[in-house]
Amino acid sequence: MKFMHLRESFPSWKTFLEKMQTDKKRALIVLLCAAALLLLVLSEWMGGKQSTPAQTQETDYAAELETKLSQMISAIDGAGRTKVLVTLKGSGETVYARNDKMEADSTRTQSEQEYVLVRSGSDETGLRLKTVTPQVLGVAVVCEGADVPQVRQAIMDTITAALDIGASHVSVVRMQSERKN
C-alpha cells in the first residue's frame, strides 16, 4: 500500500505565488474573490440586522400615534385602562425641493432635475418641503369600558375623526379583567 504525502499532491505556496506573478488575469481573479469574501465577512460582522431610517421612522410614527390615541381614549368617561395598536401602510415619504429645467427643440425634449441643497457648516442636505405620513390601515383598541355601547361609540367616533379613517378599520374590544387567585 502506497501513501502519498500531502506535500507531494498539492503545489506549494511558492509555486502558487510564482503562477500568480506570471498569470496576471488569474491573480486579478483571486484578488477580487478575496476582496469580495472580505467584504461579506465585514458586512456580516459590522452590520448584523439593522433597521433602515424608513423602518425606524415608521415605527416611531406608529408608536407616537398609539400613545396619543391611548391618552385620548383613556380620557373618555368610562373607557378605563386602554391599550392601542396602530397598523400603517408603507413608510411615508419626504419631498425635497428641486430645480427642474426643460429644453425643447423641434426634434426632442430634454429635462434635467437638480435637488436644492442647504449647507449647514460642513454638511449638505436636501431642502425638505414636506413629509407625507404613512396611511393608517387600522386601529385596535382594548379597554375596560368597551362593553358599554355609549363608551364604544365614543371611542369609535374619536378614532375615526382623529385619523380620518372609516369605522370598518377600527376594532374596540373589552379588556380582560385581572383574575385574582
N, C-alpha and C. Protein backbone atom coordinates (compact mmCIF):
# COMPACT_ATOMS: atom_id res chain seq x y z
N MET A 1 0.84 -1.16 0.00
CA MET A 1 0.00 0.00 0.00
C MET A 1 0.90 1.24 0.00
N LYS A 2 0.58 2.14 -0.90
CA LYS A 2 1.41 3.32 -1.03
C LYS A 2 0.68 4.53 -0.46
N PHE A 3 1.32 5.33 0.41
CA PHE A 3 0.76 6.54 0.99
C PHE A 3 1.38 7.75 0.32
N MET A 4 0.53 8.64 -0.04
CA MET A 4 1.04 9.88 -0.63
C MET A 4 1.07 10.95 0.45
N HIS A 5 2.08 11.72 0.44
CA HIS A 5 2.15 12.83 1.36
C HIS A 5 1.42 14.02 0.74
N LEU A 6 0.79 14.83 1.57
CA LEU A 6 0.06 15.99 1.08
C LEU A 6 0.98 16.95 0.35
N ARG A 7 2.21 17.04 0.78
CA ARG A 7 3.14 17.96 0.13
C ARG A 7 3.39 17.57 -1.32
N GLU A 8 3.34 16.31 -1.59
CA GLU A 8 3.58 15.86 -2.96
C GLU A 8 2.37 16.09 -3.86
N SER A 9 1.14 16.00 -3.30
CA SER A 9 -0.04 16.08 -4.13
C SER A 9 -0.51 17.51 -4.39
N PHE A 10 -0.17 18.47 -3.54
CA PHE A 10 -0.58 19.85 -3.72
C PHE A 10 0.63 20.73 -3.98
N PRO A 11 0.48 21.70 -4.86
CA PRO A 11 1.62 22.60 -5.11
C PRO A 11 1.89 23.45 -3.86
N SER A 12 3.09 23.85 -3.70
CA SER A 12 3.47 24.66 -2.54
C SER A 12 3.01 26.09 -2.75
N TRP A 13 3.01 26.85 -1.67
CA TRP A 13 2.65 28.26 -1.74
C TRP A 13 3.60 29.01 -2.67
N LYS A 14 4.83 28.57 -2.65
CA LYS A 14 5.83 29.23 -3.50
C LYS A 14 5.46 29.05 -4.97
N THR A 15 5.05 27.86 -5.34
CA THR A 15 4.63 27.59 -6.72
C THR A 15 3.38 28.40 -7.07
N PHE A 16 2.46 28.46 -6.12
CA PHE A 16 1.23 29.21 -6.33
C PHE A 16 1.53 30.69 -6.57
N LEU A 17 2.38 31.28 -5.75
CA LEU A 17 2.73 32.68 -5.90
C LEU A 17 3.48 32.95 -7.20
N GLU A 18 4.30 32.02 -7.61
CA GLU A 18 5.01 32.18 -8.89
C GLU A 18 4.02 32.20 -10.06
N LYS A 19 3.00 31.34 -10.00
CA LYS A 19 1.97 31.31 -11.05
C LYS A 19 1.19 32.62 -11.06
N MET A 20 0.93 33.16 -9.89
CA MET A 20 0.20 34.42 -9.80
C MET A 20 1.00 35.57 -10.41
N GLN A 21 2.32 35.53 -10.27
CA GLN A 21 3.15 36.59 -10.83
C GLN A 21 3.20 36.52 -12.35
N THR A 22 3.13 35.33 -12.89
CA THR A 22 3.21 35.19 -14.35
C THR A 22 1.85 35.35 -15.02
N ASP A 23 0.78 34.93 -14.36
CA ASP A 23 -0.56 35.00 -14.96
C ASP A 23 -1.35 36.11 -14.26
N LYS A 24 -1.35 37.30 -14.85
CA LYS A 24 -1.98 38.48 -14.24
C LYS A 24 -3.50 38.35 -14.13
N LYS A 25 -4.14 37.71 -15.11
CA LYS A 25 -5.60 37.54 -15.06
C LYS A 25 -6.00 36.67 -13.86
N ARG A 26 -5.28 35.60 -13.68
CA ARG A 26 -5.57 34.70 -12.57
C ARG A 26 -5.35 35.43 -11.24
N ALA A 27 -4.30 36.22 -11.17
CA ALA A 27 -4.01 36.97 -9.95
C ALA A 27 -5.13 37.97 -9.66
N LEU A 28 -5.63 38.63 -10.70
CA LEU A 28 -6.71 39.59 -10.52
C LEU A 28 -7.99 38.91 -10.04
N ILE A 29 -8.29 37.75 -10.60
CA ILE A 29 -9.48 37.00 -10.20
C ILE A 29 -9.37 36.56 -8.73
N VAL A 30 -8.22 36.06 -8.35
CA VAL A 30 -8.02 35.63 -6.97
C VAL A 30 -8.13 36.82 -6.03
N LEU A 31 -7.56 37.94 -6.42
CA LEU A 31 -7.62 39.14 -5.60
C LEU A 31 -9.06 39.65 -5.45
N LEU A 32 -9.81 39.66 -6.53
CA LEU A 32 -11.21 40.10 -6.47
C LEU A 32 -12.06 39.16 -5.61
N CYS A 33 -11.83 37.86 -5.72
CA CYS A 33 -12.57 36.90 -4.89
C CYS A 33 -12.24 37.09 -3.42
N ALA A 34 -10.98 37.31 -3.11
CA ALA A 34 -10.58 37.54 -1.72
C ALA A 34 -11.22 38.82 -1.19
N ALA A 35 -11.25 39.89 -2.00
CA ALA A 35 -11.85 41.15 -1.58
C ALA A 35 -13.35 40.98 -1.35
N ALA A 36 -14.03 40.25 -2.24
CA ALA A 36 -15.47 40.02 -2.09
C ALA A 36 -15.76 39.23 -0.81
N LEU A 37 -14.95 38.23 -0.55
CA LEU A 37 -15.11 37.42 0.65
C LEU A 37 -14.89 38.28 1.90
N LEU A 38 -13.89 39.12 1.86
CA LEU A 38 -13.61 40.02 2.98
C LEU A 38 -14.78 40.98 3.21
N LEU A 39 -15.34 41.53 2.14
CA LEU A 39 -16.50 42.42 2.26
C LEU A 39 -17.71 41.71 2.87
N LEU A 40 -17.94 40.47 2.46
CA LEU A 40 -19.06 39.71 3.02
C LEU A 40 -18.87 39.48 4.51
N VAL A 41 -17.67 39.09 4.89
CA VAL A 41 -17.40 38.84 6.30
C VAL A 41 -17.54 40.13 7.11
N LEU A 42 -16.98 41.23 6.59
CA LEU A 42 -17.07 42.51 7.30
C LEU A 42 -18.50 43.00 7.42
N SER A 43 -19.29 42.87 6.36
CA SER A 43 -20.68 43.34 6.42
C SER A 43 -21.49 42.53 7.43
N GLU A 44 -21.23 41.25 7.52
CA GLU A 44 -21.92 40.42 8.49
C GLU A 44 -21.48 40.77 9.91
N TRP A 45 -20.21 41.00 10.08
CA TRP A 45 -19.66 41.30 11.40
C TRP A 45 -20.06 42.69 11.87
N MET A 46 -20.00 43.67 10.96
CA MET A 46 -20.28 45.06 11.33
C MET A 46 -21.78 45.33 11.43
N GLY A 47 -22.52 44.87 10.43
CA GLY A 47 -23.91 45.30 10.31
C GLY A 47 -24.89 44.49 11.10
N GLY A 48 -24.85 43.21 10.97
CA GLY A 48 -25.91 42.40 11.55
C GLY A 48 -27.22 42.77 10.89
N LYS A 49 -28.27 42.89 11.70
CA LYS A 49 -29.57 43.26 11.15
C LYS A 49 -29.95 44.62 11.72
N GLN A 50 -29.81 45.65 10.92
CA GLN A 50 -30.12 47.00 11.37
C GLN A 50 -31.36 47.49 10.64
N SER A 51 -32.11 48.33 11.31
CA SER A 51 -33.29 48.88 10.65
C SER A 51 -32.88 50.09 9.80
N THR A 52 -33.60 50.25 8.72
CA THR A 52 -33.35 51.39 7.85
C THR A 52 -34.01 52.62 8.43
N PRO A 53 -33.59 53.80 8.01
CA PRO A 53 -34.25 55.01 8.51
C PRO A 53 -35.75 55.00 8.27
N ALA A 54 -36.20 54.47 7.15
CA ALA A 54 -37.63 54.44 6.86
C ALA A 54 -38.37 53.53 7.85
N GLN A 55 -37.77 52.39 8.18
CA GLN A 55 -38.40 51.50 9.15
C GLN A 55 -38.46 52.15 10.52
N THR A 56 -37.40 52.81 10.92
CA THR A 56 -37.37 53.49 12.21
C THR A 56 -38.40 54.60 12.24
N GLN A 57 -38.49 55.37 11.16
CA GLN A 57 -39.44 56.47 11.09
C GLN A 57 -40.87 55.93 11.18
N GLU A 58 -41.15 54.83 10.49
CA GLU A 58 -42.49 54.23 10.51
C GLU A 58 -42.82 53.73 11.92
N THR A 59 -41.88 53.07 12.57
CA THR A 59 -42.10 52.55 13.91
C THR A 59 -42.33 53.69 14.90
N ASP A 60 -41.53 54.75 14.79
CA ASP A 60 -41.70 55.91 15.67
C ASP A 60 -43.06 56.56 15.47
N TYR A 61 -43.50 56.68 14.23
CA TYR A 61 -44.78 57.31 13.93
C TYR A 61 -45.92 56.47 14.51
N ALA A 62 -45.86 55.16 14.33
CA ALA A 62 -46.90 54.27 14.85
C ALA A 62 -46.93 54.34 16.38
N ALA A 63 -45.77 54.33 17.01
CA ALA A 63 -45.71 54.40 18.48
C ALA A 63 -46.27 55.73 18.99
N GLU A 64 -45.96 56.81 18.28
CA GLU A 64 -46.48 58.12 18.67
C GLU A 64 -48.01 58.16 18.56
N LEU A 65 -48.54 57.61 17.47
CA LEU A 65 -50.00 57.55 17.30
C LEU A 65 -50.64 56.71 18.40
N GLU A 66 -50.04 55.57 18.69
CA GLU A 66 -50.58 54.69 19.72
C GLU A 66 -50.63 55.38 21.08
N THR A 67 -49.56 56.10 21.42
CA THR A 67 -49.51 56.81 22.69
C THR A 67 -50.58 57.90 22.77
N LYS A 68 -50.67 58.70 21.71
CA LYS A 68 -51.65 59.78 21.70
C LYS A 68 -53.09 59.25 21.74
N LEU A 69 -53.36 58.22 20.96
CA LEU A 69 -54.72 57.64 20.95
C LEU A 69 -55.05 57.02 22.31
N SER A 70 -54.09 56.34 22.89
CA SER A 70 -54.31 55.73 24.20
C SER A 70 -54.64 56.79 25.25
N GLN A 71 -53.92 57.92 25.21
CA GLN A 71 -54.20 59.01 26.15
C GLN A 71 -55.59 59.60 25.91
N MET A 72 -55.95 59.79 24.64
CA MET A 72 -57.27 60.35 24.32
C MET A 72 -58.39 59.41 24.76
N ILE A 73 -58.23 58.13 24.46
CA ILE A 73 -59.29 57.16 24.78
C ILE A 73 -59.42 57.00 26.29
N SER A 74 -58.30 56.98 27.00
CA SER A 74 -58.35 56.85 28.46
C SER A 74 -59.07 58.03 29.10
N ALA A 75 -59.06 59.18 28.42
CA ALA A 75 -59.73 60.37 28.95
C ALA A 75 -61.25 60.32 28.73
N ILE A 76 -61.72 59.39 27.90
CA ILE A 76 -63.17 59.27 27.67
C ILE A 76 -63.79 58.64 28.90
N ASP A 77 -64.89 59.24 29.38
CA ASP A 77 -65.56 58.76 30.58
C ASP A 77 -66.01 57.31 30.41
N GLY A 78 -65.54 56.44 31.27
CA GLY A 78 -65.93 55.04 31.26
C GLY A 78 -64.99 54.13 30.49
N ALA A 79 -64.01 54.67 29.78
CA ALA A 79 -63.11 53.82 28.99
C ALA A 79 -62.16 53.02 29.87
N GLY A 80 -61.65 53.63 30.91
CA GLY A 80 -60.74 52.92 31.82
C GLY A 80 -59.37 52.70 31.19
N ARG A 81 -58.68 51.65 31.68
CA ARG A 81 -57.35 51.34 31.13
C ARG A 81 -57.47 51.00 29.65
N THR A 82 -56.47 51.42 28.88
CA THR A 82 -56.55 51.29 27.42
C THR A 82 -55.22 50.85 26.83
N LYS A 83 -55.31 49.98 25.82
CA LYS A 83 -54.15 49.61 25.00
C LYS A 83 -54.56 49.82 23.54
N VAL A 84 -53.62 50.37 22.74
CA VAL A 84 -53.93 50.69 21.35
C VAL A 84 -52.83 50.13 20.44
N LEU A 85 -53.25 49.58 19.30
CA LEU A 85 -52.32 49.13 18.27
C LEU A 85 -52.71 49.80 16.97
N VAL A 86 -51.73 50.41 16.29
CA VAL A 86 -51.97 51.08 15.01
C VAL A 86 -51.14 50.37 13.95
N THR A 87 -51.79 50.02 12.82
CA THR A 87 -51.04 49.45 11.70
C THR A 87 -51.01 50.47 10.57
N LEU A 88 -49.85 50.52 9.90
CA LEU A 88 -49.62 51.51 8.85
C LEU A 88 -49.35 50.83 7.51
N LYS A 89 -49.64 51.57 6.45
CA LYS A 89 -49.31 51.11 5.10
C LYS A 89 -48.13 51.93 4.60
N GLY A 90 -47.03 51.28 4.33
CA GLY A 90 -45.86 51.99 3.82
C GLY A 90 -45.10 52.69 4.92
N SER A 91 -44.16 53.50 4.49
CA SER A 91 -43.30 54.17 5.47
C SER A 91 -43.34 55.68 5.33
N GLY A 92 -44.26 56.20 4.57
CA GLY A 92 -44.30 57.65 4.38
C GLY A 92 -43.30 58.09 3.33
N GLU A 93 -43.20 59.38 3.15
CA GLU A 93 -42.35 59.91 2.09
C GLU A 93 -41.92 61.32 2.45
N THR A 94 -40.69 61.64 2.11
CA THR A 94 -40.18 63.00 2.29
C THR A 94 -40.03 63.62 0.91
N VAL A 95 -40.56 64.82 0.72
CA VAL A 95 -40.49 65.51 -0.56
C VAL A 95 -39.46 66.63 -0.44
N TYR A 96 -38.50 66.64 -1.36
CA TYR A 96 -37.43 67.62 -1.36
C TYR A 96 -37.61 68.61 -2.51
N ALA A 97 -37.12 69.83 -2.31
CA ALA A 97 -37.21 70.88 -3.34
C ALA A 97 -36.27 70.53 -4.49
N ARG A 98 -36.73 70.83 -5.73
CA ARG A 98 -35.92 70.56 -6.93
C ARG A 98 -36.00 71.75 -7.87
N ASN A 99 -34.95 71.89 -8.63
CA ASN A 99 -34.96 72.82 -9.76
C ASN A 99 -35.12 71.96 -11.01
N ASP A 100 -36.18 72.18 -11.74
CA ASP A 100 -36.43 71.43 -12.96
C ASP A 100 -36.15 72.31 -14.16
N LYS A 101 -35.31 71.83 -15.06
CA LYS A 101 -35.00 72.56 -16.29
C LYS A 101 -35.45 71.71 -17.47
N MET A 102 -36.09 72.35 -18.42
CA MET A 102 -36.54 71.63 -19.60
C MET A 102 -36.16 72.44 -20.84
N GLU A 103 -35.53 71.76 -21.77
CA GLU A 103 -35.17 72.39 -23.04
C GLU A 103 -35.81 71.59 -24.16
N ALA A 104 -36.37 72.31 -25.12
CA ALA A 104 -37.03 71.63 -26.23
C ALA A 104 -36.60 72.27 -27.54
N ASP A 105 -36.39 71.41 -28.51
CA ASP A 105 -36.19 71.91 -29.87
C ASP A 105 -37.19 71.18 -30.77
N SER A 106 -37.05 71.29 -32.05
CA SER A 106 -38.06 70.74 -32.96
C SER A 106 -38.09 69.22 -32.96
N THR A 107 -37.02 68.55 -32.54
CA THR A 107 -36.99 67.09 -32.63
C THR A 107 -37.04 66.38 -31.28
N ARG A 108 -36.64 67.05 -30.21
CA ARG A 108 -36.62 66.34 -28.93
C ARG A 108 -36.77 67.31 -27.76
N THR A 109 -37.09 66.70 -26.61
CA THR A 109 -37.21 67.46 -25.37
C THR A 109 -36.23 66.85 -24.37
N GLN A 110 -35.51 67.72 -23.69
CA GLN A 110 -34.54 67.25 -22.71
C GLN A 110 -34.86 67.91 -21.37
N SER A 111 -34.94 67.09 -20.32
CA SER A 111 -35.22 67.65 -19.00
C SER A 111 -34.09 67.28 -18.04
N GLU A 112 -33.90 68.14 -17.06
CA GLU A 112 -32.87 67.93 -16.06
C GLU A 112 -33.44 68.32 -14.71
N GLN A 113 -33.20 67.48 -13.71
CA GLN A 113 -33.70 67.76 -12.37
C GLN A 113 -32.50 67.85 -11.42
N GLU A 114 -32.54 68.84 -10.56
CA GLU A 114 -31.44 69.05 -9.63
C GLU A 114 -32.04 69.38 -8.27
N TYR A 115 -31.63 68.66 -7.24
CA TYR A 115 -32.16 68.92 -5.90
C TYR A 115 -31.52 70.17 -5.30
N VAL A 116 -32.32 70.91 -4.55
CA VAL A 116 -31.84 72.10 -3.87
C VAL A 116 -31.17 71.66 -2.58
N LEU A 117 -29.91 72.05 -2.39
CA LEU A 117 -29.15 71.67 -1.21
C LEU A 117 -29.00 72.84 -0.26
N VAL A 118 -29.01 72.54 1.02
CA VAL A 118 -28.83 73.54 2.06
C VAL A 118 -27.56 73.17 2.82
N ARG A 119 -26.68 74.14 2.97
CA ARG A 119 -25.42 73.90 3.65
C ARG A 119 -25.52 74.40 5.09
N SER A 120 -25.14 73.55 6.02
CA SER A 120 -25.11 73.90 7.43
C SER A 120 -23.74 73.48 7.96
N GLY A 121 -22.85 74.45 8.07
CA GLY A 121 -21.47 74.12 8.45
C GLY A 121 -20.81 73.36 7.32
N SER A 122 -20.36 72.15 7.61
CA SER A 122 -19.73 71.33 6.57
C SER A 122 -20.70 70.31 5.98
N ASP A 123 -21.94 70.26 6.48
CA ASP A 123 -22.94 69.30 5.99
C ASP A 123 -23.82 69.92 4.93
N GLU A 124 -24.19 69.10 3.95
CA GLU A 124 -25.16 69.50 2.93
C GLU A 124 -26.31 68.51 2.95
N THR A 125 -27.51 69.03 3.00
CA THR A 125 -28.70 68.18 2.95
C THR A 125 -29.70 68.79 1.99
N GLY A 126 -30.64 67.96 1.55
CA GLY A 126 -31.68 68.45 0.67
C GLY A 126 -32.65 69.34 1.43
N LEU A 127 -33.23 70.30 0.72
CA LEU A 127 -34.22 71.20 1.31
C LEU A 127 -35.55 70.46 1.35
N ARG A 128 -36.00 70.11 2.55
CA ARG A 128 -37.22 69.33 2.72
C ARG A 128 -38.42 70.25 2.62
N LEU A 129 -39.33 69.93 1.69
CA LEU A 129 -40.57 70.70 1.55
C LEU A 129 -41.65 70.19 2.48
N LYS A 130 -41.80 68.87 2.53
CA LYS A 130 -42.83 68.29 3.39
C LYS A 130 -42.54 66.81 3.62
N THR A 131 -43.15 66.30 4.66
CA THR A 131 -43.08 64.87 4.95
C THR A 131 -44.50 64.34 4.92
N VAL A 132 -44.72 63.35 4.08
CA VAL A 132 -46.04 62.73 3.96
C VAL A 132 -46.04 61.51 4.88
N THR A 133 -46.96 61.52 5.84
CA THR A 133 -47.01 60.42 6.81
C THR A 133 -47.63 59.17 6.18
N PRO A 134 -47.30 58.00 6.70
CA PRO A 134 -47.89 56.77 6.15
C PRO A 134 -49.39 56.70 6.40
N GLN A 135 -50.07 55.97 5.56
CA GLN A 135 -51.52 55.80 5.68
C GLN A 135 -51.83 54.82 6.82
N VAL A 136 -52.81 55.15 7.64
CA VAL A 136 -53.24 54.26 8.72
C VAL A 136 -54.17 53.21 8.12
N LEU A 137 -53.82 51.93 8.31
CA LEU A 137 -54.66 50.84 7.81
C LEU A 137 -55.73 50.46 8.82
N GLY A 138 -55.36 50.44 10.08
CA GLY A 138 -56.34 50.04 11.08
C GLY A 138 -55.88 50.35 12.49
N VAL A 139 -56.86 50.35 13.40
CA VAL A 139 -56.58 50.61 14.81
C VAL A 139 -57.33 49.57 15.64
N ALA A 140 -56.63 48.97 16.58
CA ALA A 140 -57.25 48.04 17.51
C ALA A 140 -57.16 48.65 18.91
N VAL A 141 -58.29 48.68 19.60
CA VAL A 141 -58.34 49.25 20.95
C VAL A 141 -58.87 48.17 21.90
N VAL A 142 -58.14 47.99 22.98
CA VAL A 142 -58.59 47.09 24.04
C VAL A 142 -58.71 47.96 25.29
N CYS A 143 -59.92 48.05 25.84
CA CYS A 143 -60.10 48.88 27.03
C CYS A 143 -61.15 48.26 27.95
N GLU A 144 -61.13 48.71 29.20
CA GLU A 144 -62.02 48.15 30.22
C GLU A 144 -63.49 48.46 29.95
N GLY A 145 -63.79 49.62 29.40
CA GLY A 145 -65.19 50.04 29.24
C GLY A 145 -65.80 49.73 27.90
N ALA A 146 -65.17 48.91 27.09
CA ALA A 146 -65.66 48.66 25.73
C ALA A 146 -66.98 47.91 25.67
N ASP A 147 -67.41 47.30 26.77
CA ASP A 147 -68.68 46.57 26.74
C ASP A 147 -69.89 47.50 26.89
N VAL A 148 -69.66 48.77 27.24
CA VAL A 148 -70.75 49.75 27.33
C VAL A 148 -70.91 50.40 25.95
N PRO A 149 -72.10 50.27 25.32
CA PRO A 149 -72.29 50.76 23.95
C PRO A 149 -71.94 52.24 23.75
N GLN A 150 -72.29 53.10 24.69
CA GLN A 150 -72.00 54.53 24.54
C GLN A 150 -70.49 54.80 24.57
N VAL A 151 -69.78 54.07 25.42
CA VAL A 151 -68.33 54.22 25.50
C VAL A 151 -67.68 53.73 24.21
N ARG A 152 -68.13 52.56 23.75
CA ARG A 152 -67.58 52.00 22.50
C ARG A 152 -67.81 52.97 21.34
N GLN A 153 -69.01 53.57 21.26
CA GLN A 153 -69.30 54.51 20.17
C GLN A 153 -68.46 55.77 20.29
N ALA A 154 -68.25 56.25 21.50
CA ALA A 154 -67.41 57.44 21.71
C ALA A 154 -65.97 57.16 21.26
N ILE A 155 -65.50 55.98 21.57
CA ILE A 155 -64.13 55.60 21.15
C ILE A 155 -64.05 55.52 19.63
N MET A 156 -65.03 54.88 19.01
CA MET A 156 -65.06 54.77 17.54
C MET A 156 -65.09 56.15 16.90
N ASP A 157 -65.94 57.03 17.40
CA ASP A 157 -66.06 58.38 16.85
C ASP A 157 -64.75 59.16 16.99
N THR A 158 -64.12 59.01 18.14
CA THR A 158 -62.86 59.72 18.39
C THR A 158 -61.77 59.27 17.42
N ILE A 159 -61.65 57.97 17.25
CA ILE A 159 -60.59 57.44 16.37
C ILE A 159 -60.86 57.78 14.91
N THR A 160 -62.09 57.58 14.45
CA THR A 160 -62.39 57.84 13.04
C THR A 160 -62.22 59.33 12.71
N ALA A 161 -62.56 60.20 13.65
CA ALA A 161 -62.40 61.64 13.41
C ALA A 161 -60.93 62.05 13.47
N ALA A 162 -60.20 61.52 14.43
CA ALA A 162 -58.80 61.92 14.60
C ALA A 162 -57.92 61.44 13.45
N LEU A 163 -58.21 60.26 12.92
CA LEU A 163 -57.34 59.68 11.88
C LEU A 163 -57.95 59.71 10.48
N ASP A 164 -59.19 60.17 10.37
CA ASP A 164 -59.88 60.23 9.09
C ASP A 164 -59.90 58.86 8.41
N ILE A 165 -60.32 57.85 9.18
CA ILE A 165 -60.47 56.50 8.64
C ILE A 165 -61.90 56.04 8.91
N GLY A 166 -62.34 55.05 8.17
CA GLY A 166 -63.69 54.52 8.33
C GLY A 166 -63.79 53.64 9.57
N ALA A 167 -65.01 53.50 10.06
CA ALA A 167 -65.27 52.68 11.24
C ALA A 167 -64.91 51.21 11.00
N SER A 168 -64.93 50.78 9.74
CA SER A 168 -64.58 49.38 9.45
C SER A 168 -63.09 49.10 9.68
N HIS A 169 -62.31 50.13 9.87
CA HIS A 169 -60.86 49.98 10.12
C HIS A 169 -60.52 50.08 11.61
N VAL A 170 -61.57 50.11 12.45
CA VAL A 170 -61.36 50.26 13.89
C VAL A 170 -62.04 49.10 14.61
N SER A 171 -61.31 48.52 15.56
CA SER A 171 -61.87 47.45 16.39
C SER A 171 -61.72 47.87 17.85
N VAL A 172 -62.84 47.80 18.59
CA VAL A 172 -62.83 48.15 20.01
C VAL A 172 -63.39 46.95 20.78
N VAL A 173 -62.56 46.41 21.68
CA VAL A 173 -62.99 45.24 22.46
C VAL A 173 -62.68 45.45 23.94
N ARG A 174 -63.40 44.70 24.75
CA ARG A 174 -63.24 44.80 26.21
C ARG A 174 -61.94 44.13 26.64
N MET A 175 -61.28 44.80 27.59
CA MET A 175 -60.05 44.27 28.17
C MET A 175 -60.40 43.15 29.16
N GLN A 176 -59.60 42.11 29.14
CA GLN A 176 -59.79 41.01 30.06
C GLN A 176 -59.56 41.49 31.49
N SER A 177 -60.48 41.16 32.38
CA SER A 177 -60.30 41.60 33.76
C SER A 177 -59.21 40.76 34.41
N GLU A 178 -58.50 41.39 35.34
CA GLU A 178 -57.43 40.69 36.02
C GLU A 178 -58.03 39.72 37.01
N ARG A 179 -57.56 38.48 36.96
CA ARG A 179 -58.06 37.44 37.86
C ARG A 179 -57.18 37.38 39.09
N LYS A 180 -57.79 37.35 40.23
CA LYS A 180 -57.05 37.23 41.49
C LYS A 180 -57.22 35.83 42.02
N ASN A 181 -56.08 35.16 42.23
CA ASN A 181 -56.13 33.77 42.73
C ASN A 181 -55.88 33.72 44.20
